[in-house]
């Protein structure tokens, strides 16, 4: 087992963190702007990747529905666990909202897709991408909804979630896949080239984003949230896989996506709504570092 863990760490986890570290080291030195880089990934590379993978996948629509339902239920369960833990700890309304946001919104794009591809191969990329899209939608709805509820805002912000580029292209991509439509070679190659840039660009952007964050000291709340996100969440996903009939690569990809650290986007949402931004940012940084050993173990187990 120790030899396997070392192999997983150096062959799967280390390359991913190496690109993040490269962004963290070069971002300040090259004067790179994380916001501009992340917007290019958000509006160009991510939707291109999503369309390319889903449109060319061989995942049946029935399986897609099952995967989607499994992803939604598990992530709503994560939110419920985080809410209960925060209330048991008698945390404030704002901190409770932060617990929920950090627990439900995992880094399924930057980390998840890269790690799953390295560990499970290209065959797992189609279900992993479906998880990515569904989790992105669920997380945005929950996080924005909780933030708006905490600040007494309306539901108009949630409507904007459905204009997310990756979600917009997912529907036509599913129709192309289900209908066996053959796209013009010029279009398919352009989309494929743009999509191929997504994973390395998002990992690099994550490093630049982390370099821009101030040095923050994590407290016990960061420890509790990390335990929910990195340990409890994959355990719940593991338990719920059988009831949803999810097995094989679909099951492994779902469990791995559930074990990712919180996404840096949570800190952006927290800042926008003033939901304990310092705590949220500290928890994202702490969980990302702590995920080095937890993801190594999880990758060895699935």
Protein backbone atom coordinates (compact mmCIF):
# COMPACT_ATOMS: atom_id res chain seq x y z
CA UNK A 1 0.00 0.00 0.00
CA UNK A 2 2.75 2.58 0.77
CA UNK A 3 4.34 1.87 -2.60
CA UNK A 4 0.98 2.33 -4.31
CA UNK A 5 0.39 5.62 -2.49
CA UNK A 6 3.80 6.90 -3.59
CA UNK A 7 3.09 5.85 -7.16
CA UNK A 8 -0.29 7.60 -7.15
CA UNK A 9 1.19 10.72 -5.61
CA UNK A 10 4.07 11.11 -8.08
CA UNK A 11 2.22 9.89 -11.18
CA UNK A 12 -1.22 11.48 -10.63
CA UNK A 13 -1.27 14.15 -7.92
CA UNK A 14 2.18 15.73 -8.31
CA UNK A 15 1.78 16.76 -12.00
CA UNK A 16 -1.47 18.56 -11.18
CA UNK A 17 0.00 20.44 -8.22
CA UNK A 18 3.14 21.19 -10.26
CA UNK A 19 1.12 23.25 -12.75
CA UNK A 20 -0.67 25.01 -9.88
CA UNK A 21 2.69 25.75 -8.28
CA UNK A 22 3.97 27.10 -11.61
CA UNK A 23 1.06 29.55 -11.76
CA UNK A 24 1.64 30.52 -8.13
CA UNK A 25 5.35 31.18 -8.76
CA UNK A 26 5.12 32.90 -12.15
CA UNK A 27 1.90 34.86 -11.69
CA UNK A 28 3.36 37.72 -9.59
CA UNK A 29 6.69 37.72 -11.49
CA UNK A 30 5.02 38.07 -14.89
CA UNK A 31 2.39 40.49 -13.64
CA UNK A 32 -0.43 38.14 -14.67
CA UNK A 33 -4.00 39.08 -13.84
CA UNK A 34 -5.94 36.11 -12.46
CA UNK A 35 -9.31 37.68 -13.27
CA UNK A 36 -8.51 38.08 -16.97
CA UNK A 37 -7.05 34.57 -17.21
CA UNK A 38 -9.99 33.00 -15.39
CA UNK A 39 -12.51 34.81 -17.61
CA UNK A 40 -10.80 33.46 -20.75
CA UNK A 41 -11.03 29.95 -19.32
CA UNK A 42 -14.61 30.49 -18.14
CA UNK A 43 -15.94 31.87 -21.43
CA UNK A 44 -13.80 30.03 -24.00
CA UNK A 45 -11.89 26.94 -22.85
CA UNK A 46 -14.46 25.50 -20.41
CA UNK A 47 -17.48 25.61 -22.78
CA UNK A 48 -15.33 24.32 -25.67
CA UNK A 49 -14.10 21.42 -23.54
CA UNK A 50 -17.62 20.66 -22.29
CA UNK A 51 -19.08 20.63 -25.79
CA UNK A 52 -16.21 18.58 -27.23
CA UNK A 53 -16.33 15.86 -24.59
CA UNK A 54 -20.10 15.53 -24.24
CA UNK A 55 -20.88 15.75 -27.98
CA UNK A 56 -18.40 12.97 -28.76
CA UNK A 57 -19.21 10.79 -25.75
CA UNK A 58 -20.92 7.43 -25.92
CA UNK A 59 -22.69 7.79 -22.57
CA UNK A 60 -26.39 6.89 -23.05
CA UNK A 61 -28.99 9.48 -22.08
CA UNK A 62 -30.31 7.11 -19.40
CA UNK A 63 -26.86 6.97 -17.83
CA UNK A 64 -26.56 10.73 -18.11
CA UNK A 65 -29.80 11.16 -16.16
CA UNK A 66 -28.66 8.71 -13.50
CA UNK A 67 -25.29 10.44 -13.15
CA UNK A 68 -26.96 13.85 -12.93
CA UNK A 69 -29.43 12.72 -10.24
CA UNK A 70 -26.62 11.10 -8.24
CA UNK A 71 -24.50 14.26 -8.41
CA UNK A 72 -27.35 16.55 -7.36
CA UNK A 73 -28.45 14.41 -4.40
CA UNK A 74 -24.93 13.88 -3.09
CA UNK A 75 -24.07 17.59 -3.22
CA UNK A 76 -27.33 18.63 -1.59
CA UNK A 77 -26.44 16.09 1.11
CA UNK A 78 -23.04 17.77 1.56
CA UNK A 79 -24.81 21.10 2.04
CA UNK A 80 -27.15 19.53 4.61
CA UNK A 81 -24.25 18.02 6.58
CA UNK A 82 -22.39 21.35 6.60
CA UNK A 83 -25.51 23.19 7.78
CA UNK A 84 -26.05 20.74 10.65
CA UNK A 85 -22.40 20.88 11.73
CA UNK A 86 -22.42 24.70 11.73
CA UNK A 87 -25.64 24.83 13.73
CA UNK A 88 -24.34 22.28 16.26
CA UNK A 89 -21.26 24.47 16.68
CA UNK A 90 -23.60 27.48 17.19
CA UNK A 91 -22.04 29.44 14.37
CA UNK A 92 -23.52 32.70 13.12
CA UNK A 93 -25.83 32.98 10.10
CA UNK A 94 -22.94 34.17 7.91
CA UNK A 95 -20.50 31.46 9.01
CA UNK A 96 -23.20 28.82 8.55
CA UNK A 97 -23.72 30.04 4.99
CA UNK A 98 -19.94 29.88 4.42
CA UNK A 99 -19.88 26.27 5.69
CA UNK A 100 -22.58 25.31 3.18
CA UNK A 101 -20.91 27.11 0.28
CA UNK A 102 -17.47 25.60 0.96
CA UNK A 103 -18.89 22.09 1.36
CA UNK A 104 -21.01 22.03 -1.77
CA UNK A 105 -18.73 23.75 -4.33
CA UNK A 106 -15.76 21.48 -4.99
CA UNK A 107 -12.90 22.19 -7.38
CA UNK A 108 -14.26 19.72 -9.93
CA UNK A 109 -12.85 21.61 -12.91
CA UNK A 110 -9.26 22.54 -12.08
CA UNK A 111 -8.45 19.46 -10.02
CA UNK A 112 -11.22 16.98 -10.70
CA UNK A 113 -10.99 16.55 -14.46
CA UNK A 114 -7.19 16.47 -14.50
CA UNK A 115 -6.87 13.92 -11.69
CA UNK A 116 -9.61 11.69 -13.08
CA UNK A 117 -8.02 11.71 -16.54
CA UNK A 118 -4.58 10.82 -15.15
CA UNK A 119 -5.93 8.11 -12.85
CA UNK A 120 -8.81 6.54 -14.80
CA UNK A 121 -7.92 7.38 -18.40
CA UNK A 122 -9.78 9.08 -21.24
CA UNK A 123 -12.70 6.64 -20.96
CA UNK A 124 -13.71 8.31 -17.68
CA UNK A 125 -13.65 11.79 -19.18
CA UNK A 126 -17.24 11.71 -20.48
CA UNK A 127 -18.93 10.87 -17.14
CA UNK A 128 -16.47 13.15 -15.31
CA UNK A 129 -17.48 16.05 -17.57
CA UNK A 130 -21.18 15.37 -16.96
CA UNK A 131 -20.45 15.46 -13.23
CA UNK A 132 -18.53 18.68 -13.77
CA UNK A 133 -21.45 20.41 -15.52
CA UNK A 134 -24.13 19.15 -13.10
CA UNK A 135 -22.04 19.92 -10.00
CA UNK A 136 -21.25 23.38 -11.39
CA UNK A 137 -24.97 24.13 -11.83
CA UNK A 138 -25.94 22.67 -8.44
CA UNK A 139 -23.13 24.47 -6.65
CA UNK A 140 -23.87 27.82 -8.23
CA UNK A 141 -27.57 27.55 -7.40
CA UNK A 142 -26.90 26.51 -3.78
CA UNK A 143 -24.08 29.03 -3.17
CA UNK A 144 -25.78 32.01 -4.77
CA UNK A 145 -29.11 31.03 -3.18
CA UNK A 146 -27.58 30.71 0.29
CA UNK A 147 -25.64 33.96 -0.11
CA UNK A 148 -28.75 35.82 -1.31
CA UNK A 149 -30.82 34.33 1.53
CA UNK A 150 -28.21 35.37 4.09
CA UNK A 151 -28.13 38.91 2.75
CA UNK A 152 -31.87 39.09 2.14
CA UNK A 153 -31.45 39.27 -1.62
CA UNK A 154 -33.83 38.02 -4.27
CA UNK A 155 -33.64 35.05 -6.59
CA UNK A 156 -32.70 37.01 -9.71
CA UNK A 157 -29.03 36.12 -9.25
CA UNK A 158 -29.89 32.42 -9.42
CA UNK A 159 -31.49 32.91 -12.84
CA UNK A 160 -28.15 34.15 -14.15
CA UNK A 161 -26.66 30.75 -13.25
CA UNK A 162 -28.46 29.24 -16.20
CA UNK A 163 -26.55 31.57 -18.51
CA UNK A 164 -23.25 29.98 -17.49
CA UNK A 165 -21.40 29.19 -20.78
CA UNK A 166 -20.56 25.58 -19.83
CA UNK A 167 -24.21 24.91 -19.06
CA UNK A 168 -25.49 26.62 -22.20
CA UNK A 169 -23.41 24.40 -24.51
CA UNK A 170 -24.19 21.21 -22.58
CA UNK A 171 -27.71 20.88 -24.01
CA UNK A 172 -26.76 21.09 -27.73
CA UNK A 173 -23.77 18.85 -27.01
CA UNK A 174 -26.11 16.19 -25.60
CA UNK A 175 -28.35 16.53 -28.66
CA UNK A 176 -25.36 16.09 -30.99
CA UNK A 177 -24.26 13.01 -29.08
CA UNK A 178 -27.74 11.46 -28.88
CA UNK A 179 -28.59 12.22 -32.52
CA UNK A 180 -25.28 11.05 -33.93
CA UNK A 181 -24.80 14.39 -35.69
CA UNK A 182 -21.47 14.77 -37.46
CA UNK A 183 -20.11 18.30 -37.22
CA UNK A 184 -17.99 19.91 -39.96
CA UNK A 185 -14.32 19.03 -39.53
CA UNK A 186 -13.34 22.71 -39.22
CA UNK A 187 -15.73 23.18 -36.30
CA UNK A 188 -14.87 19.95 -34.51
CA UNK A 189 -11.11 20.58 -34.75
CA UNK A 190 -11.43 24.17 -33.54
CA UNK A 191 -13.54 23.11 -30.56
CA UNK A 192 -11.18 20.23 -29.81
CA UNK A 193 -8.10 22.49 -29.83
CA UNK A 194 -9.76 25.05 -27.55
CA UNK A 195 -11.05 22.34 -25.23
CA UNK A 196 -7.61 20.77 -24.96
CA UNK A 197 -6.32 23.98 -23.40
CA UNK A 198 -8.87 23.94 -20.57
CA UNK A 199 -7.28 21.66 -17.97
CA UNK A 200 -3.74 23.11 -18.01
CA UNK A 201 -5.04 26.69 -18.24
CA UNK A 202 -7.42 26.25 -15.29
CA UNK A 203 -4.71 24.64 -13.15
CA UNK A 204 -2.33 27.49 -13.98
CA UNK A 205 -5.03 30.08 -13.26
CA UNK A 206 -5.70 28.46 -9.89
CA UNK A 207 -2.04 28.95 -9.00
CA UNK A 208 -2.19 32.61 -10.03
CA UNK A 209 -5.38 33.08 -7.98
CA UNK A 210 -3.76 31.53 -4.91
CA UNK A 211 -0.70 33.79 -5.34
CA UNK A 212 -2.97 36.84 -5.19
CA UNK A 213 -4.56 35.75 -1.92
CA UNK A 214 -3.13 37.27 1.24
CA UNK A 215 -1.49 35.08 3.86
CA UNK A 216 -4.30 33.92 6.11
CA UNK A 217 -4.24 31.74 9.19
CA UNK A 218 -6.83 28.96 9.14
CA UNK A 219 -8.81 28.40 12.33
CA UNK A 220 -10.86 25.48 13.61
CA UNK A 221 -13.68 26.30 11.23
CA UNK A 222 -11.30 25.73 8.32
CA UNK A 223 -10.42 22.35 9.81
CA UNK A 224 -14.09 21.37 10.20
CA UNK A 225 -15.00 22.46 6.67
CA UNK A 226 -11.99 20.62 5.25
CA UNK A 227 -13.06 17.45 7.07
CA UNK A 228 -16.55 17.71 5.55
CA UNK A 229 -15.28 18.42 2.04
CA UNK A 230 -12.29 16.05 1.89
CA UNK A 231 -13.49 13.12 4.05
CA UNK A 232 -17.25 13.16 4.69
CA UNK A 233 -18.23 14.13 1.13
CA UNK A 234 -16.47 11.24 -0.69
CA UNK A 235 -17.75 8.84 2.00
CA UNK A 236 -21.34 9.97 1.33
CA UNK A 237 -20.77 9.68 -2.43
CA UNK A 238 -19.42 6.17 -1.90
CA UNK A 239 -22.51 5.13 0.10
CA UNK A 240 -25.03 6.64 -2.33
CA UNK A 241 -23.50 5.16 -5.49
CA UNK A 242 -25.25 1.77 -5.13
CA UNK A 243 -28.80 3.15 -4.59
CA UNK A 244 -28.44 5.18 -7.80
CA UNK A 245 -27.07 2.24 -9.76
CA UNK A 246 -23.79 4.04 -10.45
CA UNK A 247 -20.86 1.67 -10.95
CA UNK A 248 -17.53 1.26 -12.71
CA UNK A 249 -15.92 4.40 -14.10
CA UNK A 250 -19.07 6.44 -13.38
CA UNK A 251 -18.85 5.52 -9.70
CA UNK A 252 -15.10 6.15 -9.45
CA UNK A 253 -15.39 9.53 -11.20
CA UNK A 254 -18.29 10.57 -8.96
CA UNK A 255 -16.45 9.67 -5.75
CA UNK A 256 -13.30 11.46 -6.89
CA UNK A 257 -15.22 14.60 -7.83
CA UNK A 258 -16.83 14.54 -4.38
CA UNK A 259 -13.42 14.52 -2.69
CA UNK A 260 -12.03 17.66 -4.33
CA UNK A 261 -11.16 20.72 -2.18
CA UNK A 262 -13.40 23.80 -2.34
CA UNK A 263 -13.19 25.86 -5.52
CA UNK A 264 -11.67 29.34 -5.50
CA UNK A 265 -14.99 30.51 -6.99
CA UNK A 266 -16.50 30.14 -3.51
CA UNK A 267 -14.19 32.90 -2.29
CA UNK A 268 -15.32 35.09 -5.20
CA UNK A 269 -19.00 34.55 -4.34
CA UNK A 270 -18.30 35.13 -0.64
CA UNK A 271 -16.55 38.41 -1.43
CA UNK A 272 -19.37 39.52 -3.71
CA UNK A 273 -22.00 38.94 -0.99
CA UNK A 274 -19.71 39.73 1.98
CA UNK A 275 -20.16 36.23 3.47
CA UNK A 276 -17.11 35.92 5.76
CA UNK A 277 -14.66 36.38 2.83
CA UNK A 278 -11.50 36.06 4.96
CA UNK A 279 -12.67 32.79 6.51
CA UNK A 280 -13.77 31.41 3.13
CA UNK A 281 -10.48 32.30 1.43
CA UNK A 282 -8.46 30.82 4.30
CA UNK A 283 -10.55 27.62 4.16
CA UNK A 284 -10.05 27.29 0.38
CA UNK A 285 -6.27 27.65 0.75
CA UNK A 286 -6.08 25.31 3.74
CA UNK A 287 -8.25 22.64 2.08
CA UNK A 288 -6.27 22.82 -1.16
CA UNK A 289 -3.01 22.12 0.68
CA UNK A 290 -4.61 19.44 2.86
CA UNK A 291 -6.00 17.70 -0.24
CA UNK A 292 -2.50 16.58 -1.23
CA UNK A 293 -2.55 13.55 1.13
CA UNK A 294 -6.34 13.01 1.12
CA UNK A 295 -6.58 12.89 -2.68
CA UNK A 296 -3.58 10.57 -2.86
CA UNK A 297 -5.36 8.09 -0.57
CA UNK A 298 -8.69 8.49 -2.34
CA UNK A 299 -7.12 7.96 -5.77
CA UNK A 300 -5.49 4.79 -4.50
CA UNK A 301 -8.80 3.45 -3.14
CA UNK A 302 -11.14 3.97 -6.11
